[in-house]
Amino acid sequence: MEEEISMIQNNKIWELVDRLEGRKAIGVKWVYRKKMNADCSINKHKVRLVVKGYAKIFGVDYSGTLLFVAKLNTIILLLATTTQKRWKMF
């Protein structure tokens, strides 16, 4: 748990701000998980600190989220089609 908190602080994931008057702080919880090997032996223990998102209000507790996720196959397909169009021009 100490390692997770130090990673959060080092990566500047959170910004500590004053609590708004009349609002309660949003709760967090620890999620524990065991990472297993193929033979069902424990590889490592993982822990994450997560916010209880159901208590957040858009515009008050956060202003928006943005996360791009792409599979490698999608990127390869995109590159292949764009380079193919360029070769047709010549």
N, C-alpha and C. Protein backbone atom coordinates (compact mmCIF):
# COMPACT_ATOMS: atom_id res chain seq x y z
N MET A 1 0.83 -1.19 0.00
CA MET A 1 0.00 0.00 0.00
C MET A 1 0.87 1.25 0.00
N GLU A 2 1.97 1.21 0.73
CA GLU A 2 2.88 2.35 0.76
C GLU A 2 3.49 2.59 -0.62
N GLU A 3 3.81 1.51 -1.33
CA GLU A 3 4.37 1.62 -2.67
C GLU A 3 3.36 2.26 -3.63
N GLU A 4 2.09 1.89 -3.52
CA GLU A 4 1.05 2.46 -4.38
C GLU A 4 0.88 3.96 -4.10
N ILE A 5 0.87 4.34 -2.85
CA ILE A 5 0.73 5.75 -2.50
C ILE A 5 1.93 6.55 -2.99
N SER A 6 3.13 6.00 -2.85
CA SER A 6 4.31 6.73 -3.34
C SER A 6 4.30 6.87 -4.85
N MET A 7 3.79 5.86 -5.59
CA MET A 7 3.69 5.96 -7.04
C MET A 7 2.66 7.03 -7.43
N ILE A 8 1.56 7.12 -6.70
CA ILE A 8 0.55 8.14 -6.97
C ILE A 8 1.15 9.53 -6.76
N GLN A 9 1.93 9.70 -5.71
CA GLN A 9 2.54 11.00 -5.44
C GLN A 9 3.62 11.33 -6.46
N ASN A 10 4.45 10.35 -6.82
CA ASN A 10 5.54 10.59 -7.78
C ASN A 10 5.01 10.91 -9.17
N ASN A 11 3.93 10.25 -9.59
CA ASN A 11 3.37 10.48 -10.93
C ASN A 11 2.39 11.65 -10.96
N LYS A 12 2.17 12.27 -9.81
CA LYS A 12 1.27 13.43 -9.70
C LYS A 12 -0.11 13.13 -10.30
N ILE A 13 -0.68 12.00 -9.90
CA ILE A 13 -1.99 11.58 -10.38
C ILE A 13 -3.09 12.43 -9.76
N TRP A 14 -2.93 12.76 -8.51
CA TRP A 14 -3.93 13.54 -7.81
C TRP A 14 -3.42 14.94 -7.56
N GLU A 15 -4.34 15.87 -7.45
CA GLU A 15 -4.02 17.22 -7.04
C GLU A 15 -4.84 17.49 -5.79
N LEU A 16 -4.17 17.75 -4.70
CA LEU A 16 -4.83 17.98 -3.43
C LEU A 16 -5.42 19.38 -3.41
N VAL A 17 -6.72 19.47 -3.20
CA VAL A 17 -7.41 20.76 -3.17
C VAL A 17 -8.24 20.85 -1.90
N ASP A 18 -8.64 22.06 -1.56
CA ASP A 18 -9.51 22.25 -0.39
C ASP A 18 -10.90 21.71 -0.69
N ARG A 19 -11.53 21.14 0.32
CA ARG A 19 -12.88 20.62 0.18
C ARG A 19 -13.86 21.77 0.08
N LEU A 20 -14.81 21.64 -0.82
CA LEU A 20 -15.83 22.68 -0.98
C LEU A 20 -16.74 22.69 0.25
N GLU A 21 -17.17 23.88 0.61
CA GLU A 21 -18.03 24.02 1.78
C GLU A 21 -19.38 23.34 1.51
N GLY A 22 -19.82 22.53 2.43
CA GLY A 22 -21.09 21.83 2.28
C GLY A 22 -20.99 20.50 1.55
N ARG A 23 -19.80 20.12 1.10
CA ARG A 23 -19.62 18.85 0.40
C ARG A 23 -18.78 17.90 1.24
N LYS A 24 -19.13 16.63 1.20
CA LYS A 24 -18.32 15.62 1.88
C LYS A 24 -17.21 15.17 0.94
N ALA A 25 -16.13 14.70 1.52
CA ALA A 25 -15.02 14.18 0.72
C ALA A 25 -15.45 12.88 0.04
N ILE A 26 -14.93 12.64 -1.15
CA ILE A 26 -15.23 11.40 -1.88
C ILE A 26 -14.39 10.29 -1.27
N GLY A 27 -15.02 9.17 -1.01
CA GLY A 27 -14.32 8.05 -0.40
C GLY A 27 -13.47 7.27 -1.39
N VAL A 28 -12.53 6.54 -0.86
CA VAL A 28 -11.68 5.65 -1.65
C VAL A 28 -11.69 4.28 -1.00
N LYS A 29 -11.26 3.28 -1.75
CA LYS A 29 -11.12 1.96 -1.16
C LYS A 29 -9.94 1.25 -1.80
N TRP A 30 -9.38 0.32 -1.05
CA TRP A 30 -8.25 -0.47 -1.54
C TRP A 30 -8.79 -1.73 -2.20
N VAL A 31 -8.26 -2.06 -3.37
CA VAL A 31 -8.64 -3.28 -4.09
C VAL A 31 -7.41 -4.18 -4.12
N TYR A 32 -7.55 -5.37 -3.57
CA TYR A 32 -6.44 -6.33 -3.51
C TYR A 32 -6.69 -7.44 -4.52
N ARG A 33 -5.60 -7.90 -5.16
CA ARG A 33 -5.72 -8.95 -6.16
C ARG A 33 -4.46 -9.79 -6.17
N LYS A 34 -4.63 -11.08 -6.41
CA LYS A 34 -3.49 -11.98 -6.55
C LYS A 34 -3.26 -12.25 -8.03
N LYS A 35 -2.04 -12.08 -8.50
CA LYS A 35 -1.68 -12.40 -9.88
C LYS A 35 -1.14 -13.83 -9.86
N MET A 36 -1.75 -14.70 -10.68
CA MET A 36 -1.42 -16.13 -10.65
C MET A 36 -0.57 -16.54 -11.85
N ASN A 37 0.24 -17.57 -11.64
CA ASN A 37 0.98 -18.20 -12.73
C ASN A 37 0.09 -19.22 -13.42
N ALA A 38 0.59 -19.81 -14.50
CA ALA A 38 -0.18 -20.82 -15.23
C ALA A 38 -0.46 -22.06 -14.37
N ASP A 39 0.44 -22.36 -13.43
CA ASP A 39 0.25 -23.54 -12.57
C ASP A 39 -0.54 -23.20 -11.31
N CYS A 40 -1.22 -22.07 -11.29
CA CYS A 40 -2.07 -21.61 -10.17
C CYS A 40 -1.29 -21.24 -8.92
N SER A 41 0.00 -21.05 -9.02
CA SER A 41 0.76 -20.54 -7.89
C SER A 41 0.73 -19.01 -7.94
N ILE A 42 0.90 -18.39 -6.80
CA ILE A 42 0.81 -16.93 -6.72
C ILE A 42 2.08 -16.31 -7.27
N ASN A 43 1.92 -15.44 -8.28
CA ASN A 43 3.05 -14.73 -8.87
C ASN A 43 3.37 -13.50 -8.03
N LYS A 44 2.36 -12.66 -7.77
CA LYS A 44 2.54 -11.49 -6.93
C LYS A 44 1.19 -10.99 -6.45
N HIS A 45 1.24 -10.19 -5.41
CA HIS A 45 0.05 -9.55 -4.88
C HIS A 45 0.00 -8.13 -5.43
N LYS A 46 -1.18 -7.69 -5.89
CA LYS A 46 -1.34 -6.35 -6.44
C LYS A 46 -2.36 -5.60 -5.59
N VAL A 47 -2.15 -4.31 -5.48
CA VAL A 47 -3.06 -3.47 -4.71
C VAL A 47 -3.26 -2.16 -5.48
N ARG A 48 -4.50 -1.66 -5.48
CA ARG A 48 -4.83 -0.40 -6.14
C ARG A 48 -5.71 0.41 -5.21
N LEU A 49 -5.55 1.70 -5.27
CA LEU A 49 -6.41 2.62 -4.53
C LEU A 49 -7.37 3.23 -5.54
N VAL A 50 -8.66 3.01 -5.36
CA VAL A 50 -9.65 3.49 -6.32
C VAL A 50 -10.64 4.41 -5.61
N VAL A 51 -11.15 5.37 -6.36
CA VAL A 51 -12.14 6.31 -5.83
C VAL A 51 -13.52 5.71 -6.02
N LYS A 52 -14.40 5.99 -5.11
CA LYS A 52 -15.79 5.53 -5.22
C LYS A 52 -16.50 6.47 -6.19
N GLY A 53 -16.46 6.14 -7.46
CA GLY A 53 -16.91 7.01 -8.53
C GLY A 53 -18.39 7.33 -8.51
N TYR A 54 -19.19 6.49 -7.89
CA TYR A 54 -20.64 6.74 -7.86
C TYR A 54 -20.98 7.98 -7.04
N ALA A 55 -20.06 8.47 -6.24
CA ALA A 55 -20.34 9.63 -5.40
C ALA A 55 -19.90 10.94 -6.05
N LYS A 56 -19.26 10.89 -7.23
CA LYS A 56 -18.77 12.10 -7.87
C LYS A 56 -19.87 12.81 -8.65
N ILE A 57 -19.77 14.12 -8.73
CA ILE A 57 -20.72 14.94 -9.49
C ILE A 57 -19.93 15.68 -10.56
N PHE A 58 -20.35 15.54 -11.83
CA PHE A 58 -19.66 16.19 -12.94
C PHE A 58 -19.73 17.70 -12.78
N GLY A 59 -18.60 18.37 -12.97
CA GLY A 59 -18.52 19.81 -12.85
C GLY A 59 -18.19 20.28 -11.44
N VAL A 60 -18.41 19.42 -10.45
CA VAL A 60 -18.08 19.77 -9.07
C VAL A 60 -16.83 19.01 -8.63
N ASP A 61 -16.87 17.68 -8.75
CA ASP A 61 -15.76 16.85 -8.33
C ASP A 61 -14.76 16.60 -9.46
N TYR A 62 -15.18 16.70 -10.68
CA TYR A 62 -14.27 16.52 -11.83
C TYR A 62 -14.87 17.24 -13.02
N SER A 63 -14.02 17.56 -13.98
CA SER A 63 -14.51 18.31 -15.15
C SER A 63 -14.55 17.44 -16.40
N GLY A 64 -13.89 16.32 -16.40
CA GLY A 64 -13.93 15.44 -17.56
C GLY A 64 -12.80 14.43 -17.51
N THR A 65 -12.96 13.39 -18.29
CA THR A 65 -11.92 12.38 -18.39
C THR A 65 -11.66 12.10 -19.85
N LEU A 66 -10.43 11.72 -20.15
CA LEU A 66 -10.05 11.42 -21.52
C LEU A 66 -9.00 10.33 -21.48
N LEU A 67 -9.26 9.25 -22.18
CA LEU A 67 -8.33 8.15 -22.22
C LEU A 67 -8.42 7.49 -23.58
N PHE A 68 -7.29 7.49 -24.29
CA PHE A 68 -7.24 6.84 -25.58
C PHE A 68 -6.66 5.44 -25.42
N VAL A 69 -7.35 4.46 -25.96
CA VAL A 69 -6.88 3.09 -25.91
C VAL A 69 -6.99 2.53 -27.32
N ALA A 70 -5.91 1.95 -27.81
CA ALA A 70 -5.93 1.38 -29.15
C ALA A 70 -5.19 0.05 -29.14
N LYS A 71 -5.71 -0.91 -29.87
CA LYS A 71 -5.03 -2.19 -30.01
C LYS A 71 -3.96 -2.07 -31.08
N LEU A 72 -2.92 -2.86 -30.96
CA LEU A 72 -1.82 -2.83 -31.91
C LEU A 72 -2.31 -3.15 -33.33
N ASN A 73 -3.24 -4.08 -33.46
CA ASN A 73 -3.77 -4.44 -34.78
C ASN A 73 -4.45 -3.24 -35.44
N THR A 74 -5.13 -2.43 -34.67
CA THR A 74 -5.81 -1.25 -35.20
C THR A 74 -4.79 -0.24 -35.72
N ILE A 75 -3.73 -0.03 -34.97
CA ILE A 75 -2.69 0.91 -35.39
C ILE A 75 -2.01 0.42 -36.67
N ILE A 76 -1.71 -0.86 -36.75
CA ILE A 76 -1.09 -1.43 -37.94
C ILE A 76 -2.00 -1.26 -39.15
N LEU A 77 -3.29 -1.53 -38.97
CA LEU A 77 -4.24 -1.38 -40.06
C LEU A 77 -4.33 0.08 -40.52
N LEU A 78 -4.34 1.00 -39.58
CA LEU A 78 -4.39 2.42 -39.92
C LEU A 78 -3.15 2.85 -40.69
N LEU A 79 -1.99 2.41 -40.24
CA LEU A 79 -0.75 2.75 -40.94
C LEU A 79 -0.70 2.13 -42.33
N ALA A 80 -1.16 0.90 -42.45
CA ALA A 80 -1.15 0.22 -43.74
C ALA A 80 -2.06 0.91 -44.74
N THR A 81 -3.22 1.35 -44.31
CA THR A 81 -4.15 2.00 -45.25
C THR A 81 -3.67 3.39 -45.63
N THR A 82 -3.06 4.13 -44.71
CA THR A 82 -2.58 5.47 -45.05
C THR A 82 -1.37 5.41 -45.97
N THR A 83 -0.47 4.47 -45.75
CA THR A 83 0.70 4.37 -46.62
C THR A 83 0.29 3.83 -47.99
N GLN A 84 -0.71 2.98 -48.03
CA GLN A 84 -1.18 2.44 -49.31
C GLN A 84 -1.78 3.56 -50.16
N LYS A 85 -2.50 4.49 -49.57
CA LYS A 85 -3.08 5.61 -50.31
C LYS A 85 -1.98 6.51 -50.84
N ARG A 86 -0.92 6.72 -50.09
CA ARG A 86 0.18 7.57 -50.53
C ARG A 86 0.88 6.96 -51.74
N TRP A 87 1.06 5.65 -51.77
CA TRP A 87 1.74 4.99 -52.90
C TRP A 87 0.89 5.06 -54.15
N LYS A 88 -0.42 5.06 -54.01
CA LYS A 88 -1.31 5.15 -55.19
C LYS A 88 -1.21 6.52 -55.84
N MET A 89 -0.87 7.56 -55.05
CA MET A 89 -0.76 8.91 -55.60
C MET A 89 0.44 9.03 -56.54
N PHE A 90 1.50 8.25 -56.32
CA PHE A 90 2.69 8.35 -57.14
C PHE A 90 2.53 7.47 -58.31
